[in-house]
C-alpha atoms as a PDB file:
ATOM      1  CA  UNK A   1       0.160   0.105   0.088  1.00  0.00           C
ATOM      2  CA  UNK A   2       0.982   3.581  -0.660  1.00  0.00           C
ATOM      3  CA  UNK A   3      -0.412   6.761   1.199  1.00  0.00           C
ATOM      4  CA  UNK A   4      -0.133   9.793  -0.885  1.00  0.00           C
ATOM      5  CA  UNK A   5      -0.531  13.376   0.835  1.00  0.00           C
ATOM      6  CA  UNK A   6      -3.104  15.504  -1.283  1.00  0.00           C
ATOM      7  CA  UNK A   7      -3.451  18.971  -1.703  1.00  0.00           C
ATOM      8  CA  UNK A   8      -6.775  20.476  -3.475  1.00  0.00           C
ATOM      9  CA  UNK A   9      -8.942  23.620  -4.091  1.00  0.00           C
ATOM     10  CA  UNK A  10     -12.626  23.264  -3.338  1.00  0.00           C
ATOM     11  CA  UNK A  11     -14.219  23.254  -6.923  1.00  0.00           C
ATOM     12  CA  UNK A  12     -14.947  19.393  -6.979  1.00  0.00           C
ATOM     13  CA  UNK A  13     -18.288  17.734  -5.530  1.00  0.00           C
ATOM     14  CA  UNK A  14     -16.427  16.684  -2.241  1.00  0.00           C
ATOM     15  CA  UNK A  15     -13.841  14.501  -1.433  1.00  0.00           C
ATOM     16  CA  UNK A  16     -15.072  11.062  -1.220  1.00  0.00           C
ATOM     17  CA  UNK A  17     -15.833   8.913  -4.179  1.00  0.00           C
ATOM     18  CA  UNK A  18     -19.630   9.148  -5.219  1.00  0.00           C
ATOM     19  CA  UNK A  19     -21.781   7.449  -7.603  1.00  0.00           C
ATOM     20  CA  UNK A  20     -22.143  10.678  -9.460  1.00  0.00           C
ATOM     21  CA  UNK A  21     -18.110  11.122  -9.661  1.00  0.00           C
ATOM     22  CA  UNK A  22     -16.352  14.571  -9.949  1.00  0.00           C
ATOM     23  CA  UNK A  23     -15.021  14.310  -6.297  1.00  0.00           C
ATOM     24  CA  UNK A  24     -11.213  14.396  -5.444  1.00  0.00           C
ATOM     25  CA  UNK A  25     -11.116  10.963  -5.178  1.00  0.00           C
ATOM     26  CA  UNK A  26     -12.631   9.888  -8.604  1.00  0.00           C
ATOM     27  CA  UNK A  27     -10.136  12.431 -10.201  1.00  0.00           C
ATOM     28  CA  UNK A  28      -7.378  10.581  -8.368  1.00  0.00           C
ATOM     29  CA  UNK A  29      -8.349   7.200  -9.130  1.00  0.00           C
ATOM     30  CA  UNK A  30      -8.743   8.140 -12.863  1.00  0.00           C
ATOM     31  CA  UNK A  31      -5.199   9.722 -12.723  1.00  0.00           C
ATOM     32  CA  UNK A  32      -3.814   6.138 -11.167  1.00  0.00           C
ATOM     33  CA  UNK A  33      -5.663   4.075 -13.572  1.00  0.00           C
ATOM     34  CA  UNK A  34      -4.553   6.305 -16.525  1.00  0.00           C
ATOM     35  CA  UNK A  35      -1.088   6.121 -15.320  1.00  0.00           C
ATOM     36  CA  UNK A  36      -1.396   2.140 -14.891  1.00  0.00           C
ATOM     37  CA  UNK A  37      -0.794   2.183 -11.057  1.00  0.00           C
ATOM     38  CA  UNK A  38      -3.853   0.688 -10.827  1.00  0.00           C
ATOM     39  CA  UNK A  39      -6.722  -1.485 -12.657  1.00  0.00           C
ATOM     40  CA  UNK A  40      -9.413  -1.284  -9.642  1.00  0.00           C
ATOM     41  CA  UNK A  41     -11.503   1.773  -9.705  1.00  0.00           C
ATOM     42  CA  UNK A  42     -11.822   0.905  -5.832  1.00  0.00           C
ATOM     43  CA  UNK A  43      -7.810   0.632  -4.636  1.00  0.00           C
ATOM     44  CA  UNK A  44      -8.352   3.584  -2.497  1.00  0.00           C
ATOM     45  CA  UNK A  45      -8.843   1.854   0.950  1.00  0.00           C
ATOM     46  CA  UNK A  46      -8.517   4.983   3.257  1.00  0.00           C
ATOM     47  CA  UNK A  47      -8.534   8.590   3.480  1.00  0.00           C
ATOM     48  CA  UNK A  48      -7.665  11.278   5.979  1.00  0.00           C
ATOM     49  CA  UNK A  49     -10.885  12.962   6.175  1.00  0.00           C
ATOM     50  CA  UNK A  50     -14.041  13.783   4.338  1.00  0.00           C
ATOM     51  CA  UNK A  51     -14.663  17.060   3.222  1.00  0.00           C
ATOM     52  CA  UNK A  52     -17.257  18.975   1.692  1.00  0.00           C
ATOM     53  CA  UNK A  53     -17.971  20.721  -1.821  1.00  0.00           C
ATOM     54  CA  UNK A  54     -16.105  24.174  -1.425  1.00  0.00           C
ATOM     55  CA  UNK A  55     -13.647  22.874   1.185  1.00  0.00           C
ATOM     56  CA  UNK A  56     -10.039  23.074   0.222  1.00  0.00           C
ATOM     57  CA  UNK A  57      -6.953  21.096   1.792  1.00  0.00           C
ATOM     58  CA  UNK A  58      -3.252  20.938   2.015  1.00  0.00           C
ATOM     59  CA  UNK A  59      -2.555  17.672   3.931  1.00  0.00           C
ATOM     60  CA  UNK A  60      -5.326  15.098   3.447  1.00  0.00           C
ATOM     61  CA  UNK A  61      -4.269  11.879   2.376  1.00  0.00           C
ATOM     62  CA  UNK A  62      -5.503   8.541   0.750  1.00  0.00           C
ATOM     63  CA  UNK A  63      -4.105   4.987   0.992  1.00  0.00           C
ATOM     64  CA  UNK A  64      -4.481   3.061  -2.266  1.00  0.00           C
ATOM     65  CA  UNK A  65      -3.040  -0.561  -3.550  1.00  0.00           C
ATOM     66  CA  UNK A  66      -0.947   0.066  -5.925  1.00  0.00           C
ATOM     67  CA  UNK A  67       1.170  -1.812  -9.018  1.00  0.00           C
ATOM     68  CA  UNK A  68       4.576   0.088  -8.012  1.00  0.00           C
ATOM     69  CA  UNK A  69       5.808   2.866  -6.503  1.00  0.00           C
ATOM     70  CA  UNK A  70       4.191   6.308  -7.965  1.00  0.00           C
ATOM     71  CA  UNK A  71       5.949   8.737 -10.130  1.00  0.00           C
ATOM     72  CA  UNK A  72       4.377  12.128  -8.826  1.00  0.00           C
ATOM     73  CA  UNK A  73       5.287  14.453 -11.806  1.00  0.00           C
ATOM     74  CA  UNK A  74       3.423  11.804 -14.060  1.00  0.00           C
ATOM     75  CA  UNK A  75       0.293  11.860 -11.808  1.00  0.00           C
ATOM     76  CA  UNK A  76       0.328  15.519 -11.660  1.00  0.00           C
ATOM     77  CA  UNK A  77       0.237  15.780 -15.470  1.00  0.00           C
ATOM     78  CA  UNK A  78      -2.800  13.379 -15.208  1.00  0.00           C
ATOM     79  CA  UNK A  79      -4.663  15.874 -12.643  1.00  0.00           C
ATOM     80  CA  UNK A  80      -3.562  19.379 -14.271  1.00  0.00           C
ATOM     81  CA  UNK A  81      -5.575  21.964 -14.246  1.00  0.00           C
ATOM     82  CA  UNK A  82      -8.200  19.754 -12.126  1.00  0.00           C
ATOM     83  CA  UNK A  83      -7.075  21.705  -8.754  1.00  0.00           C
ATOM     84  CA  UNK A  84      -5.651  18.519  -7.060  1.00  0.00           C
ATOM     85  CA  UNK A  85      -1.821  17.866  -6.203  1.00  0.00           C
ATOM     86  CA  UNK A  86      -0.182  14.756  -4.825  1.00  0.00           C
ATOM     87  CA  UNK A  87       2.615  16.267  -3.493  1.00  0.00           C
ATOM     88  CA  UNK A  88       4.031  13.533  -1.384  1.00  0.00           C
ATOM     89  CA  UNK A  89       3.913   9.801  -0.840  1.00  0.00           C
ATOM     90  CA  UNK A  90       5.396   6.444   1.343  1.00  0.00           C
ATOM     91  CA  UNK A  91       5.145   2.557   0.921  1.00  0.00           C
ATOM     92  CA  UNK A  92       3.351   1.695   4.235  1.00  0.00           C
ATOM     93  CA  UNK A  93       2.533  -1.990   5.379  1.00  0.00           C
ATOM     94  CA  UNK A  94      -0.423  -0.792   7.383  1.00  0.00           C
ATOM     95  CA  UNK A  95      -2.567   2.146   8.135  1.00  0.00           C
ATOM     96  CA  UNK A  96      -1.695   4.668  10.345  1.00  0.00           C
ATOM     97  CA  UNK A  97      -3.324   6.085  13.295  1.00  0.00           C
ATOM     98  CA  UNK A  98      -4.439   9.693  12.894  1.00  0.00           C
ATOM     99  CA  UNK A  99      -3.201  11.889  15.662  1.00  0.00           C
ATOM    100  CA  UNK A 100      -5.477  14.951  15.238  1.00  0.00           C
ATOM    101  CA  UNK A 101      -7.171  16.971  12.293  1.00  0.00           C
ATOM    102  CA  UNK A 102      -6.195  20.453  11.758  1.00  0.00           C
ATOM    103  CA  UNK A 103      -8.418  22.729  10.098  1.00  0.00           C
ATOM    104  CA  UNK A 104      -8.142  26.464   9.477  1.00  0.00           C
ATOM    105  CA  UNK A 105     -11.157  29.120   8.359  1.00  0.00           C
ATOM    106  CA  UNK A 106     -10.784  32.583   6.646  1.00  0.00           C
ATOM    107  CA  UNK A 107     -13.375  34.466   8.027  1.00  0.00           C
ATOM    108  CA  UNK A 108     -13.710  37.751   6.387  1.00  0.00           C
ATOM    109  CA  UNK A 109     -14.817  40.802   8.095  1.00  0.00           C
ATOM    110  CA  UNK A 110     -17.871  42.859   7.256  1.00  0.00           C
ATOM    111  CA  UNK A 111     -16.330  46.162   6.162  1.00  0.00           C
ATOM    112  CA  UNK A 112     -16.215  49.120   8.665  1.00  0.00           C
ATOM    113  CA  UNK A 113     -17.271  46.537  11.440  1.00  0.00           C
ATOM    114  CA  UNK A 114     -15.554  46.538  14.927  1.00  0.00           C
ATOM    115  CA  UNK A 115     -15.524  43.008  16.105  1.00  0.00           C
ATOM    116  CA  UNK A 116     -15.012  42.133  20.036  1.00  0.00           C
ATOM    117  CA  UNK A 117     -11.757  39.650  19.592  1.00  0.00           C
ATOM    118  CA  UNK A 118     -11.642  39.391  23.170  1.00  0.00           C
ATOM    119  CA  UNK A 119     -15.129  38.021  23.189  1.00  0.00           C
ATOM    120  CA  UNK A 120     -14.638  35.593  20.858  1.00  0.00           C
ATOM    121  CA  UNK A 121     -11.383  34.164  22.258  1.00  0.00           C
ATOM    122  CA  UNK A 122     -13.410  33.922  25.399  1.00  0.00           C
ATOM    123  CA  UNK A 123     -16.007  32.129  23.518  1.00  0.00           C
ATOM    124  CA  UNK A 124     -13.337  29.683  22.037  1.00  0.00           C
ATOM    125  CA  UNK A 125     -11.916  28.807  25.215  1.00  0.00           C
ATOM    126  CA  UNK A 126     -15.221  27.306  26.512  1.00  0.00           C
ATOM    127  CA  UNK A 127     -15.454  25.250  23.093  1.00  0.00           C
ATOM    128  CA  UNK A 128     -12.098  23.695  23.772  1.00  0.00           C
ATOM    129  CA  UNK A 129     -12.375  20.169  25.759  1.00  0.00           C
ATOM    130  CA  UNK A 130     -14.772  17.430  25.150  1.00  0.00           C
ATOM    131  CA  UNK A 131     -18.307  18.315  25.123  1.00  0.00           C
ATOM    132  CA  UNK A 132     -22.194  17.474  23.131  1.00  0.00           C
ATOM    133  CA  UNK A 133     -21.604  19.062  19.696  1.00  0.00           C
ATOM    134  CA  UNK A 134     -25.260  18.068  18.919  1.00  0.00           C
ATOM    135  CA  UNK A 135     -26.450  21.992  18.394  1.00  0.00           C
ATOM    136  CA  UNK A 136     -22.909  22.482  16.382  1.00  0.00           C
ATOM    137  CA  UNK A 137     -23.424  19.427  13.754  1.00  0.00           C
ATOM    138  CA  UNK A 138     -25.567  18.366  11.178  1.00  0.00           C
ATOM    139  CA  UNK A 139     -28.257  16.186  12.725  1.00  0.00           C
ATOM    140  CA  UNK A 140     -27.899  12.439  12.797  1.00  0.00           C
ATOM    141  CA  UNK A 141     -31.215  10.915  12.084  1.00  0.00           C
ATOM    142  CA  UNK A 142     -30.173   7.836  12.758  1.00  0.00           C
ATOM    143  CA  UNK A 143     -28.717   8.671  16.126  1.00  0.00           C
ATOM    144  CA  UNK A 144     -25.711   6.092  15.483  1.00  0.00           C
ATOM    145  CA  UNK A 145     -22.867   8.555  15.923  1.00  0.00           C
ATOM    146  CA  UNK A 146     -22.362   9.947  19.352  1.00  0.00           C
ATOM    147  CA  UNK A 147     -21.867  14.122  19.482  1.00  0.00           C
ATOM    148  CA  UNK A 148     -19.512  13.738  21.891  1.00  0.00           C
ATOM    149  CA  UNK A 149     -16.470  15.174  20.247  1.00  0.00           C
ATOM    150  CA  UNK A 150     -12.994  16.498  22.004  1.00  0.00           C
ATOM    151  CA  UNK A 151     -11.329  20.116  20.658  1.00  0.00           C
ATOM    152  CA  UNK A 152      -7.705  20.319  21.547  1.00  0.00           C
ATOM    153  CA  UNK A 153      -7.157  23.904  20.475  1.00  0.00           C
ATOM    154  CA  UNK A 154      -8.569  27.010  18.822  1.00  0.00           C
ATOM    155  CA  UNK A 155      -6.639  29.950  17.836  1.00  0.00           C
ATOM    156  CA  UNK A 156      -7.813  33.193  16.511  1.00  0.00           C
ATOM    157  CA  UNK A 157      -5.659  35.477  14.564  1.00  0.00           C
ATOM    158  CA  UNK A 158      -6.496  39.180  14.045  1.00  0.00           C
ATOM    159  CA  UNK A 159      -6.179  40.700  10.614  1.00  0.00           C
ATOM    160  CA  UNK A 160      -6.800  43.998   8.907  1.00  0.00           C
ATOM    161  CA  UNK A 161      -9.772  42.215   6.637  1.00  0.00           C
ATOM    162  CA  UNK A 162     -10.268  38.896   8.238  1.00  0.00           C
ATOM    163  CA  UNK A 163      -9.828  36.232  11.061  1.00  0.00           C
ATOM    164  CA  UNK A 164      -7.662  33.408  10.589  1.00  0.00           C
ATOM    165  CA  UNK A 165      -8.915  30.680  13.132  1.00  0.00           C
ATOM    166  CA  UNK A 166      -7.154  27.178  13.708  1.00  0.00           C
ATOM    167  CA  UNK A 167      -9.092  24.236  15.097  1.00  0.00           C
ATOM    168  CA  UNK A 168      -7.619  21.178  16.166  1.00  0.00           C
ATOM    169  CA  UNK A 169      -8.873  17.953  17.436  1.00  0.00           C
ATOM    170  CA  UNK A 170      -9.261  14.206  17.095  1.00  0.00           C
ATOM    171  CA  UNK A 171     -12.142  14.351  14.857  1.00  0.00           C
ATOM    172  CA  UNK A 172     -15.205  16.110  13.893  1.00  0.00           C
ATOM    173  CA  UNK A 173     -18.844  15.864  13.121  1.00  0.00           C
ATOM    174  CA  UNK A 174     -20.503  16.905   9.858  1.00  0.00           C
ATOM    175  CA  UNK A 175     -20.090  20.875   9.649  1.00  0.00           C
ATOM    176  CA  UNK A 176     -19.270  20.868  13.326  1.00  0.00           C
ATOM    177  CA  UNK A 177     -16.006  23.570  12.297  1.00  0.00           C
ATOM    178  CA  UNK A 178     -18.072  25.714  10.289  1.00  0.00           C
ATOM    179  CA  UNK A 179     -20.987  25.837  13.006  1.00  0.00           C
ATOM    180  CA  UNK A 180     -18.156  26.421  15.679  1.00  0.00           C
ATOM    181  CA  UNK A 181     -16.914  29.465  13.435  1.00  0.00           C
ATOM    182  CA  UNK A 182     -20.586  30.696  13.076  1.00  0.00           C
ATOM    183  CA  UNK A 183     -20.605  30.609  16.971  1.00  0.00           C
ATOM    184  CA  UNK A 184     -17.396  32.830  17.210  1.00  0.00           C
ATOM    185  CA  UNK A 185     -18.529  35.259  14.490  1.00  0.00           C
ATOM    186  CA  UNK A 186     -21.839  35.646  16.174  1.00  0.00           C
ATOM    187  CA  UNK A 187     -20.353  36.308  19.669  1.00  0.00           C
ATOM    188  CA  UNK A 188     -17.819  38.693  18.329  1.00  0.00           C
ATOM    189  CA  UNK A 189     -20.412  40.458  16.553  1.00  0.00           C
ATOM    190  CA  UNK A 190     -22.261  41.067  19.443  1.00  0.00           C
ATOM    191  CA  UNK A 191     -25.474  39.385  17.670  1.00  0.00           C
ATOM    192  CA  UNK A 192     -25.252  36.568  20.629  1.00  0.00           C
ATOM    193  CA  UNK A 193     -24.062  36.583  24.390  1.00  0.00           C
ATOM    194  CA  UNK A 194     -21.079  34.772  25.537  1.00  0.00           C
ATOM    195  CA  UNK A 195     -23.334  32.353  27.510  1.00  0.00           C
ATOM    196  CA  UNK A 196     -25.092  31.688  24.541  1.00  0.00           C
ATOM    197  CA  UNK A 197     -22.527  28.707  23.708  1.00  0.00           C
ATOM    198  CA  UNK A 198     -22.959  27.431  27.140  1.00  0.00           C
ATOM    199  CA  UNK A 199     -26.388  26.855  26.166  1.00  0.00           C
ATOM    200  CA  UNK A 200     -25.544  25.194  22.690  1.00  0.00           C
ATOM    201  CA  UNK A 201     -23.132  22.795  24.683  1.00  0.00           C
ATOM    202  CA  UNK A 202     -25.907  21.700  26.970  1.00  0.00           C
ATOM    203  CA  UNK A 203     -27.117  18.079  26.132  1.00  0.00           C
ATOM    204  CA  UNK A 204     -30.503  18.908  26.892  1.00  0.00           C
ATOM    205  CA  UNK A 205     -30.521  22.162  24.711  1.00  0.00           C
ATOM    206  CA  UNK A 206     -31.405  22.042  21.495  1.00  0.00           C
ATOM    207  CA  UNK A 207     -30.983  24.919  18.766  1.00  0.00           C
ATOM    208  CA  UNK A 208     -30.193  25.041  14.880  1.00  0.00           C
ATOM    209  CA  UNK A 209     -26.956  26.763  14.290  1.00  0.00           C
ATOM    210  CA  UNK A 210     -26.236  27.636  10.313  1.00  0.00           C
ATOM    211  CA  UNK A 211     -22.851  26.775   9.663  1.00  0.00           C
ATOM    212  CA  UNK A 212     -20.679  29.268   7.548  1.00  0.00           C
ATOM    213  CA  UNK A 213     -19.683  29.076   3.869  1.00  0.00           C
ATOM    214  CA  UNK A 214     -17.702  26.143   2.817  1.00  0.00           C
ATOM    215  CA  UNK A 215     -15.339  27.959   0.818  1.00  0.00           C
ATOM    216  CA  UNK A 216     -13.579  29.796   3.669  1.00  0.00           C
ATOM    217  CA  UNK A 217     -12.224  26.350   4.983  1.00  0.00           C
ATOM    218  CA  UNK A 218      -9.307  24.648   4.623  1.00  0.00           C
ATOM    219  CA  UNK A 219      -8.044  20.844   5.767  1.00  0.00           C
ATOM    220  CA  UNK A 220      -4.581  21.871   6.687  1.00  0.00           C
ATOM    221  CA  UNK A 221      -3.658  18.186   7.778  1.00  0.00           C
ATOM    222  CA  UNK A 222      -4.624  14.965   9.039  1.00  0.00           C
ATOM    223  CA  UNK A 223      -1.720  14.339  11.218  1.00  0.00           C
ATOM    224  CA  UNK A 224       0.087  11.037  11.274  1.00  0.00           C
ATOM    225  CA  UNK A 225       3.563   9.568  11.933  1.00  0.00           C
ATOM    226  CA  UNK A 226       4.298   9.569   8.003  1.00  0.00           C
ATOM    227  CA  UNK A 227       7.484  10.878   6.868  1.00  0.00           C
ATOM    228  CA  UNK A 228       6.772  11.636   3.235  1.00  0.00           C
ATOM    229  CA  UNK A 229       8.643  11.829   0.033  1.00  0.00           C
ATOM    230  CA  UNK A 230       8.148  15.203  -1.624  1.00  0.00           C
ATOM    231  CA  UNK A 231       8.104  15.432  -5.027  1.00  0.00           C
ATOM    232  CA  UNK A 232       9.931  19.276  -5.412  1.00  0.00           C
ATOM    233  CA  UNK A 233       8.482  19.417  -8.890  1.00  0.00           C
ATOM    234  CA  UNK A 234       4.855  19.069  -7.846  1.00  0.00           C
ATOM    235  CA  UNK A 235       5.341  21.358  -4.912  1.00  0.00           C
ATOM    236  CA  UNK A 236       6.618  24.222  -6.974  1.00  0.00           C
ATOM    237  CA  UNK A 237       4.072  23.564  -9.443  1.00  0.00           C
ATOM    238  CA  UNK A 238       1.650  23.849  -6.750  1.00  0.00           C
ATOM    239  CA  UNK A 239       2.880  27.152  -5.202  1.00  0.00           C
ATOM    240  CA  UNK A 240       3.304  28.560  -8.715  1.00  0.00           C
ATOM    241  CA  UNK A 241      -0.412  27.995  -9.569  1.00  0.00           C
ATOM    242  CA  UNK A 242      -1.675  29.304  -6.325  1.00  0.00           C
ATOM    243  CA  UNK A 243       0.563  32.123  -6.378  1.00  0.00           C
ATOM    244  CA  UNK A 244      -1.232  32.955 -10.311  1.00  0.00           C
ATOM    245  CA  UNK A 245      -4.787  32.560  -8.137  1.00  0.00           C
ATOM    246  CA  UNK A 246      -3.574  34.826  -5.321  1.00  0.00           C
ATOM    247  CA  UNK A 247      -2.697  37.657  -7.514  1.00  0.00           C
ATOM    248  CA  UNK A 248      -6.048  37.588  -9.250  1.00  0.00           C
ATOM    249  CA  UNK A 249      -7.657  37.229  -6.273  1.00  0.00           C
ATOM    250  CA  UNK A 250      -6.071  40.339  -4.774  1.00  0.00           C
ATOM    251  CA  UNK A 251      -6.516  42.603  -7.527  1.00  0.00           C
ATOM    252  CA  UNK A 252     -10.317  41.841  -7.442  1.00  0.00           C
ATOM    253  CA  UNK A 253     -10.276  42.450  -3.543  1.00  0.00           C
ATOM    254  CA  UNK A 254      -8.756  45.878  -4.016  1.00  0.00           C
ATOM    255  CA  UNK A 255     -11.390  46.602  -6.684  1.00  0.00           C
ATOM    256  CA  UNK A 256     -13.949  45.671  -4.148  1.00  0.00           C
ATOM    257  CA  UNK A 257     -12.806  47.932  -1.695  1.00  0.00           C
ATOM    258  CA  UNK A 258     -12.435  50.642  -3.810  1.00  0.00           C
ATOM    259  CA  UNK A 259     -15.863  50.439  -5.235  1.00  0.00           C
ATOM    260  CA  UNK A 260     -17.392  50.655  -1.484  1.00  0.00           C
ATOM    261  CA  UNK A 261     -14.889  53.610  -0.570  1.00  0.00           C
ATOM    262  CA  UNK A 262     -15.398  55.516  -3.912  1.00  0.00           C
ATOM    263  CA  UNK A 263     -19.144  56.802  -3.464  1.00  0.00           C
END
């Protein structure tokens, strides 16, 4: 088996393979088969984390049964312009244990609005630890999954135009990270009091919280003990393509800012 570290943008219909196709795993399997590393559409046996449409990643992974050692530049040529990069790999004998998952959310600030960063930090501290996140996840109607999860850490960095919020935990429920971000945002804007979060974590309290948009979410890492072998060629191409995208977005950002300010 080979474990492959995967980065991708959020344009696809989610990460995990689906009957309708067009997911990150579907494109990876197509590339592996086209390069003759696999003959089996279902050769991916494990992955680091499921992400929804709109969510990007720098450190997810897939584990697949391959015929031979993969050549990452060759695979890159089949994934070019699809927003998917396999940047590293390692041959393994067993599936590694995931130590934690690290998510980052880019939360834009409302133009001209003053957020209370101190309240946001206080709110984040109340979310750290082991709690029932039944109000901060998509409801499991089968009731087969426990809503108890442990958040190891939440860090909030305050910038001129956005907050960058890092959340680390063992595992997360569906929409849990994006709903946590919504809570931090609502408290920081003064729309909700600080003790609102205590009610949301009360196992006897039921209240819906909408998630923030998926486009701001990045799966930074599904942490294992694997020491990947990286392809400098693919990593350089990855950075170059993102820099090109960055320059386009900065221009658009400043156009939007000036359009607001000039009238």
